Amino acid sequence: MIDKSGEYVAFTSEFAFNGAVENYLCDLERKMQSTLQEILERAHETSLEWDYGKKRHDWLEDYCAQLSLLATQIMWTDETIRAFEDLEGGSESAMKDYHGLILKRLDMLIDRVRADLSKELRIKIITIITIDVHERDVIDKFVSQKI
């Protein structure tokens, strides 16, 4: 699969164009969906190790832009929920600690975008920085309002 900006995503298995056009186009659509689902599942699994293995600012090179962004937002949602659960469990600094982690990850992306990058990678990182800034602001509001 190739998007309009030229980003390429390989199918996870072979695909054959067989039969009538209306049939193989439907098969192709299903193949595209299943491929993206498989890649997203892998992206989510590997994103669980951002703090222990491959850092996010390097991890995002392994996945197409949309799936990198989606996995990033899934992780933010999971981590925000976890911070709320930790607060309920008695950890008074859980949200502040998570805010610090967001700032650290944001700083790493900002450092990365200042390097010599391909156009596609630069756009991907800038997009994720934009989303991260919004996420940072939301968590900052939670902290400042003691939510």
N, C-alpha and C. Protein backbone atom coordinates (compact mmCIF):
# COMPACT_ATOMS: atom_id res chain seq x y z
N MET A 1 0.86 -1.17 0.00
CA MET A 1 0.00 0.00 0.00
C MET A 1 0.90 1.23 0.00
N ILE A 2 0.53 2.22 -0.78
CA ILE A 2 1.30 3.47 -0.85
C ILE A 2 0.31 4.62 -0.72
N ASP A 3 0.57 5.54 0.23
CA ASP A 3 -0.34 6.66 0.38
C ASP A 3 0.06 7.80 -0.55
N LYS A 4 -0.72 8.87 -0.54
CA LYS A 4 -0.49 9.95 -1.49
C LYS A 4 0.83 10.67 -1.26
N SER A 5 1.40 10.58 -0.05
CA SER A 5 2.69 11.22 0.20
C SER A 5 3.85 10.28 -0.12
N GLY A 6 3.54 9.03 -0.49
CA GLY A 6 4.57 8.08 -0.88
C GLY A 6 4.96 7.11 0.22
N GLU A 7 4.31 7.19 1.39
CA GLU A 7 4.64 6.25 2.46
C GLU A 7 4.15 4.85 2.07
N TYR A 8 5.02 3.88 2.22
CA TYR A 8 4.77 2.51 1.79
C TYR A 8 4.52 1.61 3.00
N VAL A 9 3.50 0.78 2.91
CA VAL A 9 3.20 -0.24 3.93
C VAL A 9 3.04 -1.56 3.18
N ALA A 10 3.89 -2.52 3.53
CA ALA A 10 3.84 -3.83 2.88
C ALA A 10 2.74 -4.68 3.48
N PHE A 11 2.09 -5.49 2.63
CA PHE A 11 1.14 -6.46 3.14
C PHE A 11 1.89 -7.46 4.02
N THR A 12 1.21 -7.99 5.02
CA THR A 12 1.84 -8.95 5.93
C THR A 12 1.90 -10.35 5.34
N SER A 13 1.17 -10.58 4.25
CA SER A 13 1.24 -11.84 3.52
C SER A 13 0.87 -11.57 2.06
N GLU A 14 1.05 -12.58 1.24
CA GLU A 14 0.79 -12.43 -0.19
C GLU A 14 -0.68 -12.13 -0.48
N PHE A 15 -0.90 -11.43 -1.58
CA PHE A 15 -2.25 -11.16 -2.05
C PHE A 15 -2.28 -11.39 -3.55
N ALA A 16 -3.29 -12.11 -4.02
CA ALA A 16 -3.42 -12.39 -5.45
C ALA A 16 -4.69 -11.74 -5.97
N PHE A 17 -4.58 -11.13 -7.14
CA PHE A 17 -5.74 -10.53 -7.80
C PHE A 17 -6.40 -11.62 -8.65
N ASN A 18 -7.50 -12.17 -8.13
CA ASN A 18 -8.19 -13.26 -8.82
C ASN A 18 -9.66 -12.93 -9.02
N GLY A 19 -10.22 -13.43 -10.10
CA GLY A 19 -11.65 -13.31 -10.33
C GLY A 19 -12.07 -11.96 -10.88
N ALA A 20 -13.34 -11.69 -10.73
CA ALA A 20 -13.94 -10.46 -11.25
C ALA A 20 -13.44 -9.27 -10.43
N VAL A 21 -13.35 -8.13 -11.09
CA VAL A 21 -12.80 -6.93 -10.47
C VAL A 21 -13.57 -6.56 -9.20
N GLU A 22 -14.89 -6.67 -9.22
CA GLU A 22 -15.67 -6.29 -8.03
C GLU A 22 -15.38 -7.23 -6.85
N ASN A 23 -14.96 -8.45 -7.14
CA ASN A 23 -14.61 -9.39 -6.07
C ASN A 23 -13.20 -9.12 -5.54
N TYR A 24 -12.23 -8.98 -6.44
CA TYR A 24 -10.88 -8.82 -5.93
C TYR A 24 -10.66 -7.45 -5.31
N LEU A 25 -11.45 -6.44 -5.69
CA LEU A 25 -11.33 -5.14 -5.00
C LEU A 25 -11.84 -5.24 -3.56
N CYS A 26 -12.90 -5.99 -3.35
CA CYS A 26 -13.39 -6.22 -1.98
C CYS A 26 -12.37 -7.04 -1.18
N ASP A 27 -11.77 -8.04 -1.84
CA ASP A 27 -10.73 -8.83 -1.18
C ASP A 27 -9.52 -7.95 -0.84
N LEU A 28 -9.17 -7.07 -1.76
CA LEU A 28 -8.06 -6.16 -1.53
C LEU A 28 -8.34 -5.25 -0.33
N GLU A 29 -9.55 -4.73 -0.25
CA GLU A 29 -9.92 -3.87 0.88
C GLU A 29 -9.80 -4.63 2.20
N ARG A 30 -10.29 -5.86 2.24
CA ARG A 30 -10.17 -6.68 3.45
C ARG A 30 -8.71 -6.96 3.79
N LYS A 31 -7.91 -7.20 2.76
CA LYS A 31 -6.49 -7.46 2.97
C LYS A 31 -5.80 -6.22 3.54
N MET A 32 -6.13 -5.06 3.05
CA MET A 32 -5.57 -3.81 3.57
C MET A 32 -5.94 -3.64 5.04
N GLN A 33 -7.20 -3.88 5.37
CA GLN A 33 -7.67 -3.73 6.74
C GLN A 33 -6.98 -4.72 7.68
N SER A 34 -6.89 -5.97 7.25
CA SER A 34 -6.27 -6.98 8.12
C SER A 34 -4.77 -6.70 8.30
N THR A 35 -4.12 -6.22 7.25
CA THR A 35 -2.70 -5.87 7.35
C THR A 35 -2.50 -4.74 8.36
N LEU A 36 -3.30 -3.70 8.25
CA LEU A 36 -3.18 -2.58 9.18
C LEU A 36 -3.50 -3.00 10.61
N GLN A 37 -4.47 -3.88 10.78
CA GLN A 37 -4.80 -4.38 12.11
C GLN A 37 -3.62 -5.15 12.70
N GLU A 38 -3.00 -6.02 11.91
CA GLU A 38 -1.85 -6.79 12.39
C GLU A 38 -0.70 -5.87 12.77
N ILE A 39 -0.43 -4.88 11.95
CA ILE A 39 0.66 -3.95 12.22
C ILE A 39 0.36 -3.12 13.47
N LEU A 40 -0.89 -2.68 13.63
CA LEU A 40 -1.27 -1.91 14.82
C LEU A 40 -1.10 -2.75 16.08
N GLU A 41 -1.50 -4.00 16.03
CA GLU A 41 -1.33 -4.88 17.20
C GLU A 41 0.14 -5.00 17.56
N ARG A 42 1.01 -5.15 16.56
CA ARG A 42 2.45 -5.24 16.80
C ARG A 42 2.98 -3.92 17.34
N ALA A 43 2.49 -2.81 16.79
CA ALA A 43 2.93 -1.48 17.26
C ALA A 43 2.53 -1.27 18.71
N HIS A 44 1.33 -1.68 19.05
CA HIS A 44 0.88 -1.52 20.44
C HIS A 44 1.71 -2.39 21.38
N GLU A 45 1.95 -3.64 20.99
CA GLU A 45 2.75 -4.54 21.82
C GLU A 45 4.15 -3.97 22.06
N THR A 46 4.77 -3.46 21.02
CA THR A 46 6.13 -2.93 21.17
C THR A 46 6.14 -1.58 21.88
N SER A 47 5.04 -0.84 21.82
CA SER A 47 4.98 0.45 22.52
C SER A 47 4.98 0.26 24.03
N LEU A 48 4.60 -0.90 24.50
CA LEU A 48 4.60 -1.18 25.93
C LEU A 48 6.02 -1.15 26.51
N GLU A 49 7.02 -1.20 25.65
CA GLU A 49 8.41 -1.24 26.11
C GLU A 49 9.17 0.06 25.84
N TRP A 50 8.45 1.16 25.60
CA TRP A 50 9.10 2.44 25.33
C TRP A 50 10.09 2.83 26.43
N ASP A 51 9.75 2.54 27.66
CA ASP A 51 10.59 2.98 28.76
C ASP A 51 11.67 1.98 29.13
N TYR A 52 11.64 0.79 28.50
CA TYR A 52 12.59 -0.26 28.85
C TYR A 52 13.43 -0.72 27.66
N GLY A 53 12.86 -0.69 26.49
CA GLY A 53 13.55 -1.16 25.30
C GLY A 53 13.78 -0.01 24.34
N LYS A 54 13.23 -0.15 23.16
CA LYS A 54 13.36 0.88 22.14
C LYS A 54 12.54 2.10 22.52
N LYS A 55 13.19 3.24 22.60
CA LYS A 55 12.51 4.48 22.98
C LYS A 55 11.54 4.90 21.89
N ARG A 56 10.49 5.61 22.28
CA ARG A 56 9.45 5.98 21.34
C ARG A 56 9.98 6.78 20.16
N HIS A 57 10.91 7.70 20.40
CA HIS A 57 11.41 8.54 19.32
C HIS A 57 12.17 7.72 18.27
N ASP A 58 12.61 6.51 18.61
CA ASP A 58 13.20 5.59 17.64
C ASP A 58 12.15 4.58 17.15
N TRP A 59 11.29 4.15 18.06
CA TRP A 59 10.24 3.16 17.75
C TRP A 59 9.37 3.60 16.59
N LEU A 60 9.05 4.88 16.51
CA LEU A 60 8.09 5.35 15.51
C LEU A 60 8.59 5.18 14.07
N GLU A 61 9.88 4.94 13.90
CA GLU A 61 10.40 4.68 12.56
C GLU A 61 9.96 3.31 12.02
N ASP A 62 9.56 2.43 12.93
CA ASP A 62 9.20 1.07 12.54
C ASP A 62 7.78 0.95 11.99
N TYR A 63 7.00 2.02 12.09
CA TYR A 63 5.59 1.95 11.73
C TYR A 63 5.19 3.15 10.88
N CYS A 64 4.17 2.96 10.06
CA CYS A 64 3.69 4.06 9.22
C CYS A 64 3.12 5.17 10.11
N ALA A 65 2.97 6.34 9.54
CA ALA A 65 2.59 7.53 10.31
C ALA A 65 1.27 7.35 11.05
N GLN A 66 0.24 6.90 10.38
CA GLN A 66 -1.07 6.80 11.02
C GLN A 66 -1.08 5.79 12.16
N LEU A 67 -0.38 4.67 11.98
CA LEU A 67 -0.35 3.67 13.04
C LEU A 67 0.55 4.10 14.19
N SER A 68 1.62 4.83 13.90
CA SER A 68 2.46 5.39 14.97
C SER A 68 1.64 6.34 15.82
N LEU A 69 0.89 7.20 15.16
CA LEU A 69 0.05 8.16 15.86
C LEU A 69 -1.04 7.45 16.67
N LEU A 70 -1.70 6.49 16.08
CA LEU A 70 -2.76 5.77 16.76
C LEU A 70 -2.23 5.00 17.97
N ALA A 71 -1.12 4.31 17.82
CA ALA A 71 -0.53 3.57 18.94
C ALA A 71 -0.10 4.53 20.05
N THR A 72 0.41 5.70 19.67
CA THR A 72 0.78 6.72 20.64
C THR A 72 -0.44 7.18 21.44
N GLN A 73 -1.54 7.39 20.76
CA GLN A 73 -2.76 7.84 21.46
C GLN A 73 -3.37 6.73 22.33
N ILE A 74 -3.25 5.50 21.88
CA ILE A 74 -3.71 4.37 22.70
C ILE A 74 -2.88 4.31 23.99
N MET A 75 -1.56 4.47 23.85
CA MET A 75 -0.70 4.43 25.03
C MET A 75 -1.01 5.59 25.97
N TRP A 76 -1.24 6.79 25.43
CA TRP A 76 -1.56 7.93 26.28
C TRP A 76 -2.83 7.66 27.07
N THR A 77 -3.83 7.11 26.40
CA THR A 77 -5.09 6.79 27.08
C THR A 77 -4.85 5.75 28.17
N ASP A 78 -4.13 4.69 27.86
CA ASP A 78 -3.84 3.65 28.85
C ASP A 78 -3.06 4.22 30.04
N GLU A 79 -2.05 5.02 29.74
CA GLU A 79 -1.21 5.57 30.82
C GLU A 79 -1.97 6.59 31.66
N THR A 80 -2.86 7.35 31.05
CA THR A 80 -3.68 8.30 31.81
C THR A 80 -4.62 7.55 32.74
N ILE A 81 -5.24 6.51 32.24
CA ILE A 81 -6.12 5.68 33.08
C ILE A 81 -5.32 5.09 34.24
N ARG A 82 -4.12 4.61 33.94
CA ARG A 82 -3.27 4.02 34.98
C ARG A 82 -2.91 5.07 36.03
N ALA A 83 -2.65 6.31 35.61
CA ALA A 83 -2.34 7.37 36.57
C ALA A 83 -3.53 7.63 37.48
N PHE A 84 -4.74 7.66 36.91
CA PHE A 84 -5.94 7.83 37.74
C PHE A 84 -6.11 6.66 38.71
N GLU A 85 -5.86 5.46 38.24
CA GLU A 85 -5.97 4.29 39.12
C GLU A 85 -4.94 4.36 40.25
N ASP A 86 -3.72 4.82 39.93
CA ASP A 86 -2.69 4.97 40.96
C ASP A 86 -3.09 6.04 41.97
N LEU A 87 -3.71 7.11 41.49
CA LEU A 87 -4.21 8.14 42.41
C LEU A 87 -5.24 7.56 43.37
N GLU A 88 -6.16 6.79 42.82
CA GLU A 88 -7.18 6.15 43.65
C GLU A 88 -6.56 5.17 44.63
N GLY A 89 -5.44 4.59 44.24
CA GLY A 89 -4.75 3.63 45.10
C GLY A 89 -3.89 4.29 46.17
N GLY A 90 -3.84 5.62 46.17
CA GLY A 90 -3.11 6.32 47.23
C GLY A 90 -1.83 7.00 46.80
N SER A 91 -1.43 6.86 45.56
CA SER A 91 -0.22 7.52 45.08
C SER A 91 -0.54 8.97 44.71
N GLU A 92 -0.24 9.89 45.62
CA GLU A 92 -0.63 11.29 45.43
C GLU A 92 0.12 11.96 44.28
N SER A 93 1.27 11.41 43.90
CA SER A 93 2.07 12.05 42.85
C SER A 93 1.94 11.37 41.49
N ALA A 94 1.01 10.45 41.36
CA ALA A 94 0.89 9.66 40.13
C ALA A 94 0.72 10.53 38.89
N MET A 95 -0.17 11.51 38.93
CA MET A 95 -0.42 12.35 37.77
C MET A 95 0.76 13.27 37.50
N LYS A 96 1.38 13.80 38.55
CA LYS A 96 2.58 14.64 38.38
C LYS A 96 3.72 13.82 37.77
N ASP A 97 3.87 12.59 38.25
CA ASP A 97 4.91 11.71 37.70
C ASP A 97 4.66 11.44 36.23
N TYR A 98 3.41 11.19 35.88
CA TYR A 98 3.08 10.94 34.48
C TYR A 98 3.32 12.19 33.64
N HIS A 99 2.99 13.34 34.18
CA HIS A 99 3.26 14.61 33.49
C HIS A 99 4.76 14.73 33.19
N GLY A 100 5.58 14.37 34.14
CA GLY A 100 7.03 14.40 33.93
C GLY A 100 7.48 13.47 32.82
N LEU A 101 6.87 12.29 32.75
CA LEU A 101 7.19 11.33 31.70
C LEU A 101 6.80 11.89 30.33
N ILE A 102 5.65 12.52 30.26
CA ILE A 102 5.20 13.13 29.00
C ILE A 102 6.21 14.20 28.55
N LEU A 103 6.65 15.04 29.49
CA LEU A 103 7.62 16.09 29.17
C LEU A 103 8.93 15.49 28.67
N LYS A 104 9.37 14.42 29.30
CA LYS A 104 10.61 13.75 28.89
C LYS A 104 10.48 13.21 27.46
N ARG A 105 9.38 12.53 27.18
CA ARG A 105 9.16 11.99 25.83
C ARG A 105 9.05 13.10 24.80
N LEU A 106 8.39 14.19 25.16
CA LEU A 106 8.25 15.33 24.26
C LEU A 106 9.61 15.95 23.96
N ASP A 107 10.43 16.10 24.97
CA ASP A 107 11.79 16.64 24.77
C ASP A 107 12.61 15.76 23.83
N MET A 108 12.46 14.44 23.97
CA MET A 108 13.19 13.52 23.09
C MET A 108 12.75 13.67 21.64
N LEU A 109 11.45 13.85 21.43
CA LEU A 109 10.95 14.06 20.07
C LEU A 109 11.43 15.38 19.50
N ILE A 110 11.45 16.42 20.33
CA ILE A 110 11.92 17.73 19.87
C ILE A 110 13.39 17.65 19.49
N ASP A 111 14.19 16.96 20.31
CA ASP A 111 15.61 16.77 19.95
C ASP A 111 15.73 16.00 18.64
N ARG A 112 14.90 15.01 18.48
CA ARG A 112 14.96 14.16 17.27
C ARG A 112 14.59 14.95 16.02
N VAL A 113 13.59 15.82 16.11
CA VAL A 113 13.13 16.54 14.93
C VAL A 113 14.16 17.58 14.49
N ARG A 114 15.07 17.94 15.37
CA ARG A 114 16.13 18.91 15.03
C ARG A 114 17.26 18.28 14.23
N ALA A 115 17.27 16.95 14.16
CA ALA A 115 18.31 16.23 13.42
C ALA A 115 17.98 16.21 11.93
N ASP A 116 18.91 15.69 11.16
CA ASP A 116 18.72 15.54 9.73
C ASP A 116 17.82 14.33 9.49
N LEU A 117 16.60 14.56 9.01
CA LEU A 117 15.61 13.50 8.82
C LEU A 117 15.03 13.55 7.42
N SER A 118 14.45 12.43 7.01
CA SER A 118 13.71 12.43 5.76
C SER A 118 12.46 13.28 5.94
N LYS A 119 11.91 13.74 4.83
CA LYS A 119 10.71 14.58 4.88
C LYS A 119 9.56 13.84 5.58
N GLU A 120 9.38 12.56 5.24
CA GLU A 120 8.28 11.78 5.80
C GLU A 120 8.43 11.61 7.31
N LEU A 121 9.66 11.30 7.76
CA LEU A 121 9.89 11.10 9.19
C LEU A 121 9.72 12.42 9.95
N ARG A 122 10.17 13.51 9.36
CA ARG A 122 10.02 14.83 10.00
C ARG A 122 8.53 15.16 10.18
N ILE A 123 7.73 14.93 9.16
CA ILE A 123 6.29 15.21 9.24
C ILE A 123 5.65 14.33 10.31
N LYS A 124 6.03 13.05 10.36
CA LYS A 124 5.49 12.13 11.35
C LYS A 124 5.82 12.61 12.76
N ILE A 125 7.06 12.99 12.99
CA ILE A 125 7.46 13.44 14.32
C ILE A 125 6.77 14.74 14.70
N ILE A 126 6.68 15.68 13.77
CA ILE A 126 6.01 16.95 14.05
C ILE A 126 4.54 16.71 14.39
N THR A 127 3.89 15.80 13.70
CA THR A 127 2.49 15.48 13.99
C THR A 127 2.36 14.90 15.39
N ILE A 128 3.25 14.00 15.75
CA ILE A 128 3.18 13.39 17.09
C ILE A 128 3.52 14.44 18.16
N ILE A 129 4.45 15.34 17.87
CA ILE A 129 4.74 16.42 18.82
C ILE A 129 3.49 17.26 19.06
N THR A 130 2.78 17.58 18.00
CA THR A 130 1.55 18.38 18.12
C THR A 130 0.54 17.68 19.03
N ILE A 131 0.35 16.39 18.83
CA ILE A 131 -0.57 15.62 19.67
C ILE A 131 -0.04 15.54 21.10
N ASP A 132 1.26 15.35 21.25
CA ASP A 132 1.86 15.28 22.59
C ASP A 132 1.68 16.58 23.36
N VAL A 133 1.77 17.70 22.68
CA VAL A 133 1.58 18.99 23.35
C VAL A 133 0.15 19.08 23.89
N HIS A 134 -0.80 18.65 23.10
CA HIS A 134 -2.19 18.63 23.57
C HIS A 134 -2.32 17.70 24.78
N GLU A 135 -1.76 16.51 24.69
CA GLU A 135 -1.82 15.55 25.79
C GLU A 135 -1.15 16.11 27.04
N ARG A 136 -0.01 16.77 26.86
CA ARG A 136 0.69 17.40 27.98
C ARG A 136 -0.21 18.44 28.65
N ASP A 137 -0.89 19.25 27.83
CA ASP A 137 -1.77 20.28 28.37
C ASP A 137 -2.94 19.69 29.15
N VAL A 138 -3.48 18.58 28.67
CA VAL A 138 -4.59 17.93 29.37
C VAL A 138 -4.11 17.42 30.73
N ILE A 139 -2.97 16.74 30.75
CA ILE A 139 -2.44 16.20 32.01
C ILE A 139 -2.03 17.35 32.93
N ASP A 140 -1.48 18.41 32.38
CA ASP A 140 -1.12 19.58 33.18
C ASP A 140 -2.35 20.17 33.86
N LYS A 141 -3.45 20.20 33.13
CA LYS A 141 -4.70 20.71 33.70
C LYS A 141 -5.19 19.80 34.83
N PHE A 142 -5.07 18.49 34.65
CA PHE A 142 -5.43 17.55 35.70
C PHE A 142 -4.61 17.83 36.97
N VAL A 143 -3.31 18.06 36.77
CA VAL A 143 -2.42 18.29 37.90
C VAL A 143 -2.75 19.62 38.57
N SER A 144 -2.87 20.68 37.79
CA SER A 144 -3.09 22.01 38.37
C SER A 144 -4.45 22.13 39.05
N GLN A 145 -5.45 21.43 38.54
CA GLN A 145 -6.79 21.47 39.14
C GLN A 145 -7.01 20.36 40.16
N LYS A 146 -5.97 19.57 40.37
CA LYS A 146 -6.01 18.45 41.34
C LYS A 146 -7.20 17.53 41.07
N ILE A 147 -7.35 17.20 39.79
CA ILE A 147 -8.44 16.31 39.38
C ILE A 147 -8.01 14.86 39.68
